[in-house]
Amino acid sequence: MTWHAVLLSAVGIVALRQLGMFVLRGTARGGAAEKLLRLVPVSVVAAVVALNTLTTGGALVVDARAAGAAAAAVAVWRRANLVVVLVVAAATTALVRAVS
């Protein structure tokens, strides 16, 4: 049952993206609008990550997850590859949980 939901969601996402590209294909967009549209997916992902990292049960919580996310952000800023970013985040989260 779960895999059906995952596959249905994936198909829906692809369909929505294709629909958006089809609808926006005929419209004339300026340089600023194009740049803004390219940033929308990044901002949505950042909002979801922040929400899942900093809240528990609807309340704001700063715990080991926040430290891991901050360490991952620094690794990304330093242009580390994905594996290094994930290891740094996991190690930092585990270290903070072990200490506290």
N, C-alpha and C. Protein backbone atom coordinates (compact mmCIF):
# COMPACT_ATOMS: atom_id res chain seq x y z
N MET A 1 0.82 -1.19 0.00
CA MET A 1 0.00 0.00 0.00
C MET A 1 0.87 1.26 0.00
N THR A 2 1.95 1.25 0.78
CA THR A 2 2.82 2.42 0.88
C THR A 2 3.50 2.69 -0.46
N TRP A 3 3.96 1.64 -1.13
CA TRP A 3 4.63 1.83 -2.41
C TRP A 3 3.69 2.38 -3.46
N HIS A 4 2.43 2.02 -3.36
CA HIS A 4 1.45 2.58 -4.29
C HIS A 4 1.35 4.09 -4.10
N ALA A 5 1.34 4.52 -2.84
CA ALA A 5 1.27 5.96 -2.56
C ALA A 5 2.52 6.68 -3.03
N VAL A 6 3.68 6.06 -2.84
CA VAL A 6 4.93 6.66 -3.29
C VAL A 6 4.95 6.79 -4.81
N LEU A 7 4.58 5.73 -5.49
CA LEU A 7 4.56 5.78 -6.96
C LEU A 7 3.53 6.76 -7.48
N LEU A 8 2.36 6.80 -6.86
CA LEU A 8 1.33 7.75 -7.27
C LEU A 8 1.80 9.19 -7.05
N SER A 9 2.48 9.43 -5.94
CA SER A 9 3.01 10.77 -5.67
C SER A 9 4.08 11.15 -6.69
N ALA A 10 4.94 10.20 -7.03
CA ALA A 10 5.99 10.48 -8.02
C ALA A 10 5.38 10.82 -9.37
N VAL A 11 4.38 10.05 -9.78
CA VAL A 11 3.72 10.33 -11.06
C VAL A 11 3.05 11.70 -11.02
N GLY A 12 2.42 12.02 -9.90
CA GLY A 12 1.77 13.33 -9.76
C GLY A 12 2.76 14.47 -9.83
N ILE A 13 3.90 14.31 -9.22
CA ILE A 13 4.92 15.36 -9.24
C ILE A 13 5.44 15.57 -10.65
N VAL A 14 5.73 14.48 -11.35
CA VAL A 14 6.21 14.60 -12.72
C VAL A 14 5.15 15.26 -13.60
N ALA A 15 3.89 14.86 -13.41
CA ALA A 15 2.80 15.44 -14.20
C ALA A 15 2.66 16.94 -13.93
N LEU A 16 2.76 17.35 -12.68
CA LEU A 16 2.66 18.77 -12.35
C LEU A 16 3.82 19.56 -12.93
N ARG A 17 5.01 19.00 -12.89
CA ARG A 17 6.16 19.70 -13.47
C ARG A 17 6.00 19.86 -14.98
N GLN A 18 5.55 18.80 -15.63
CA GLN A 18 5.34 18.87 -17.07
C GLN A 18 4.24 19.87 -17.41
N LEU A 19 3.18 19.88 -16.61
CA LEU A 19 2.09 20.82 -16.85
C LEU A 19 2.59 22.26 -16.69
N GLY A 20 3.39 22.50 -15.66
CA GLY A 20 3.95 23.84 -15.46
C GLY A 20 4.83 24.26 -16.61
N MET A 21 5.64 23.35 -17.11
CA MET A 21 6.51 23.68 -18.24
C MET A 21 5.68 23.93 -19.51
N PHE A 22 4.60 23.17 -19.67
CA PHE A 22 3.73 23.34 -20.84
C PHE A 22 3.00 24.68 -20.79
N VAL A 23 2.50 25.02 -19.60
CA VAL A 23 1.74 26.28 -19.45
C VAL A 23 2.66 27.48 -19.61
N LEU A 24 3.86 27.42 -19.03
CA LEU A 24 4.77 28.56 -19.05
C LEU A 24 5.57 28.66 -20.34
N ARG A 25 5.51 27.65 -21.19
CA ARG A 25 6.32 27.66 -22.41
C ARG A 25 5.94 28.82 -23.34
N GLY A 26 4.65 29.11 -23.46
CA GLY A 26 4.22 30.14 -24.39
C GLY A 26 4.31 31.55 -23.85
N THR A 27 4.58 31.72 -22.57
CA THR A 27 4.61 33.06 -22.00
C THR A 27 6.01 33.65 -22.10
N ALA A 28 6.05 34.92 -22.29
CA ALA A 28 7.33 35.62 -22.34
C ALA A 28 7.73 36.00 -20.92
N ARG A 29 8.89 35.54 -20.51
CA ARG A 29 9.37 35.84 -19.17
C ARG A 29 10.66 36.65 -19.29
N GLY A 30 10.78 37.62 -18.41
CA GLY A 30 12.00 38.41 -18.40
C GLY A 30 13.08 37.72 -17.60
N GLY A 31 14.25 38.31 -17.57
CA GLY A 31 15.37 37.73 -16.84
C GLY A 31 15.12 37.61 -15.35
N ALA A 32 14.50 38.63 -14.77
CA ALA A 32 14.24 38.60 -13.33
C ALA A 32 13.22 37.54 -12.97
N ALA A 33 12.17 37.42 -13.77
CA ALA A 33 11.14 36.41 -13.50
C ALA A 33 11.71 35.01 -13.65
N GLU A 34 12.55 34.81 -14.62
CA GLU A 34 13.19 33.50 -14.84
C GLU A 34 14.06 33.13 -13.64
N LYS A 35 14.84 34.07 -13.15
CA LYS A 35 15.68 33.81 -11.97
C LYS A 35 14.84 33.49 -10.75
N LEU A 36 13.75 34.21 -10.58
CA LEU A 36 12.87 33.98 -9.45
C LEU A 36 12.21 32.61 -9.52
N LEU A 37 11.76 32.21 -10.70
CA LEU A 37 11.14 30.90 -10.86
C LEU A 37 12.13 29.77 -10.61
N ARG A 38 13.38 29.98 -10.93
CA ARG A 38 14.39 28.94 -10.68
C ARG A 38 14.68 28.78 -9.19
N LEU A 39 14.42 29.80 -8.39
CA LEU A 39 14.69 29.72 -6.95
C LEU A 39 13.54 29.12 -6.15
N VAL A 40 12.38 29.01 -6.73
CA VAL A 40 11.21 28.50 -5.99
C VAL A 40 11.43 27.09 -5.46
N PRO A 41 11.89 26.10 -6.26
CA PRO A 41 12.09 24.77 -5.69
C PRO A 41 13.10 24.74 -4.55
N VAL A 42 14.16 25.53 -4.67
CA VAL A 42 15.18 25.57 -3.62
C VAL A 42 14.59 26.11 -2.32
N SER A 43 13.79 27.16 -2.43
CA SER A 43 13.21 27.74 -1.22
C SER A 43 12.18 26.81 -0.59
N VAL A 44 11.45 26.05 -1.39
CA VAL A 44 10.48 25.09 -0.83
C VAL A 44 11.21 23.98 -0.09
N VAL A 45 12.28 23.46 -0.68
CA VAL A 45 13.05 22.41 0.00
C VAL A 45 13.67 22.95 1.28
N ALA A 46 14.19 24.16 1.26
CA ALA A 46 14.77 24.76 2.47
C ALA A 46 13.72 24.93 3.55
N ALA A 47 12.53 25.32 3.19
CA ALA A 47 11.45 25.48 4.18
C ALA A 47 11.06 24.14 4.79
N VAL A 48 10.99 23.10 3.97
CA VAL A 48 10.64 21.77 4.50
C VAL A 48 11.73 21.26 5.43
N VAL A 49 12.99 21.45 5.05
CA VAL A 49 14.10 21.01 5.91
C VAL A 49 14.09 21.77 7.23
N ALA A 50 13.89 23.07 7.17
CA ALA A 50 13.85 23.87 8.39
C ALA A 50 12.69 23.46 9.29
N LEU A 51 11.54 23.22 8.70
CA LEU A 51 10.37 22.81 9.48
C LEU A 51 10.60 21.48 10.16
N ASN A 52 11.16 20.52 9.43
CA ASN A 52 11.39 19.19 10.01
C ASN A 52 12.56 19.17 10.99
N THR A 53 13.49 20.10 10.84
CA THR A 53 14.65 20.12 11.72
C THR A 53 14.37 20.86 13.02
N LEU A 54 13.60 21.92 12.96
CA LEU A 54 13.46 22.80 14.12
C LEU A 54 12.12 22.67 14.84
N THR A 55 11.26 21.73 14.46
CA THR A 55 9.99 21.57 15.17
C THR A 55 9.76 20.12 15.55
N THR A 56 9.09 19.96 16.66
CA THR A 56 8.64 18.65 17.12
C THR A 56 7.26 18.84 17.72
N GLY A 57 6.28 18.19 17.13
CA GLY A 57 4.92 18.30 17.63
C GLY A 57 4.36 19.71 17.56
N GLY A 58 4.80 20.49 16.60
CA GLY A 58 4.30 21.85 16.44
C GLY A 58 5.03 22.89 17.27
N ALA A 59 5.97 22.47 18.10
CA ALA A 59 6.71 23.41 18.94
C ALA A 59 8.14 23.57 18.40
N LEU A 60 8.68 24.77 18.57
CA LEU A 60 10.04 25.05 18.15
C LEU A 60 11.01 24.36 19.10
N VAL A 61 11.91 23.53 18.55
CA VAL A 61 12.87 22.78 19.35
C VAL A 61 14.23 22.87 18.68
N VAL A 62 15.22 23.33 19.41
CA VAL A 62 16.58 23.37 18.89
C VAL A 62 17.35 22.27 19.63
N ASP A 63 17.68 21.21 18.91
CA ASP A 63 18.35 20.08 19.52
C ASP A 63 19.50 19.61 18.61
N ALA A 64 19.88 18.36 18.70
CA ALA A 64 21.00 17.84 17.94
C ALA A 64 20.76 17.91 16.44
N ARG A 65 19.51 17.83 16.03
CA ARG A 65 19.21 17.93 14.59
C ARG A 65 19.62 19.29 14.04
N ALA A 66 19.42 20.33 14.82
CA ALA A 66 19.81 21.67 14.37
C ALA A 66 21.32 21.77 14.23
N ALA A 67 22.05 21.17 15.16
CA ALA A 67 23.51 21.18 15.07
C ALA A 67 23.98 20.42 13.84
N GLY A 68 23.35 19.30 13.54
CA GLY A 68 23.69 18.53 12.34
C GLY A 68 23.39 19.30 11.08
N ALA A 69 22.26 19.98 11.05
CA ALA A 69 21.90 20.78 9.87
C ALA A 69 22.87 21.95 9.69
N ALA A 70 23.27 22.56 10.80
CA ALA A 70 24.24 23.66 10.71
C ALA A 70 25.59 23.17 10.21
N ALA A 71 26.02 22.00 10.70
CA ALA A 71 27.28 21.44 10.23
C ALA A 71 27.20 21.08 8.75
N ALA A 72 26.06 20.56 8.32
CA ALA A 72 25.87 20.24 6.90
C ALA A 72 25.89 21.52 6.06
N ALA A 73 25.30 22.58 6.57
CA ALA A 73 25.30 23.85 5.84
C ALA A 73 26.72 24.37 5.67
N VAL A 74 27.52 24.24 6.70
CA VAL A 74 28.92 24.67 6.60
C VAL A 74 29.67 23.81 5.57
N ALA A 75 29.41 22.50 5.57
CA ALA A 75 30.07 21.62 4.61
C ALA A 75 29.66 21.96 3.18
N VAL A 76 28.38 22.27 2.99
CA VAL A 76 27.92 22.67 1.66
C VAL A 76 28.56 23.99 1.26
N TRP A 77 28.63 24.92 2.20
CA TRP A 77 29.25 26.22 1.94
C TRP A 77 30.72 26.05 1.54
N ARG A 78 31.37 25.06 2.14
CA ARG A 78 32.77 24.79 1.81
C ARG A 78 32.91 23.93 0.56
N ARG A 79 31.77 23.66 -0.10
CA ARG A 79 31.70 22.91 -1.36
C ARG A 79 32.16 21.47 -1.24
N ALA A 80 31.79 20.82 -0.13
CA ALA A 80 32.08 19.39 0.04
C ALA A 80 31.10 18.59 -0.81
N ASN A 81 31.48 17.37 -1.16
CA ASN A 81 30.56 16.56 -1.96
C ASN A 81 29.46 15.99 -1.04
N LEU A 82 28.45 15.39 -1.65
CA LEU A 82 27.25 14.97 -0.92
C LEU A 82 27.56 13.96 0.17
N VAL A 83 28.41 13.01 -0.10
CA VAL A 83 28.74 11.99 0.90
C VAL A 83 29.39 12.63 2.12
N VAL A 84 30.29 13.55 1.91
CA VAL A 84 30.95 14.24 3.01
C VAL A 84 29.94 15.06 3.81
N VAL A 85 29.02 15.73 3.13
CA VAL A 85 28.00 16.52 3.81
C VAL A 85 27.14 15.62 4.70
N LEU A 86 26.72 14.48 4.17
CA LEU A 86 25.90 13.56 4.96
C LEU A 86 26.65 12.98 6.15
N VAL A 87 27.92 12.63 5.96
CA VAL A 87 28.71 12.09 7.07
C VAL A 87 28.94 13.16 8.13
N VAL A 88 29.23 14.37 7.73
CA VAL A 88 29.44 15.46 8.69
C VAL A 88 28.16 15.72 9.49
N ALA A 89 27.02 15.75 8.81
CA ALA A 89 25.75 15.99 9.50
C ALA A 89 25.43 14.87 10.47
N ALA A 90 25.60 13.63 10.04
CA ALA A 90 25.29 12.49 10.90
C ALA A 90 26.24 12.43 12.10
N ALA A 91 27.52 12.66 11.86
CA ALA A 91 28.50 12.61 12.94
C ALA A 91 28.25 13.73 13.95
N THR A 92 27.95 14.92 13.47
CA THR A 92 27.68 16.03 14.37
C THR A 92 26.42 15.78 15.21
N THR A 93 25.38 15.27 14.57
CA THR A 93 24.15 14.97 15.30
C THR A 93 24.41 13.89 16.35
N ALA A 94 25.14 12.83 15.99
CA ALA A 94 25.44 11.77 16.94
C ALA A 94 26.30 12.25 18.08
N LEU A 95 27.27 13.11 17.78
CA LEU A 95 28.14 13.64 18.82
C LEU A 95 27.37 14.50 19.81
N VAL A 96 26.51 15.37 19.30
CA VAL A 96 25.73 16.23 20.19
C VAL A 96 24.77 15.40 21.04
N ARG A 97 24.17 14.37 20.45
CA ARG A 97 23.27 13.51 21.23
C ARG A 97 24.03 12.73 22.28
N ALA A 98 25.26 12.31 21.97
CA ALA A 98 26.06 11.55 22.95
C ALA A 98 26.50 12.44 24.10
N VAL A 99 26.80 13.69 23.82
CA VAL A 99 27.27 14.61 24.85
C VAL A 99 26.13 15.10 25.74
N SER A 100 24.97 15.34 25.14
CA SER A 100 23.86 15.89 25.94
C SER A 100 22.95 14.82 26.48
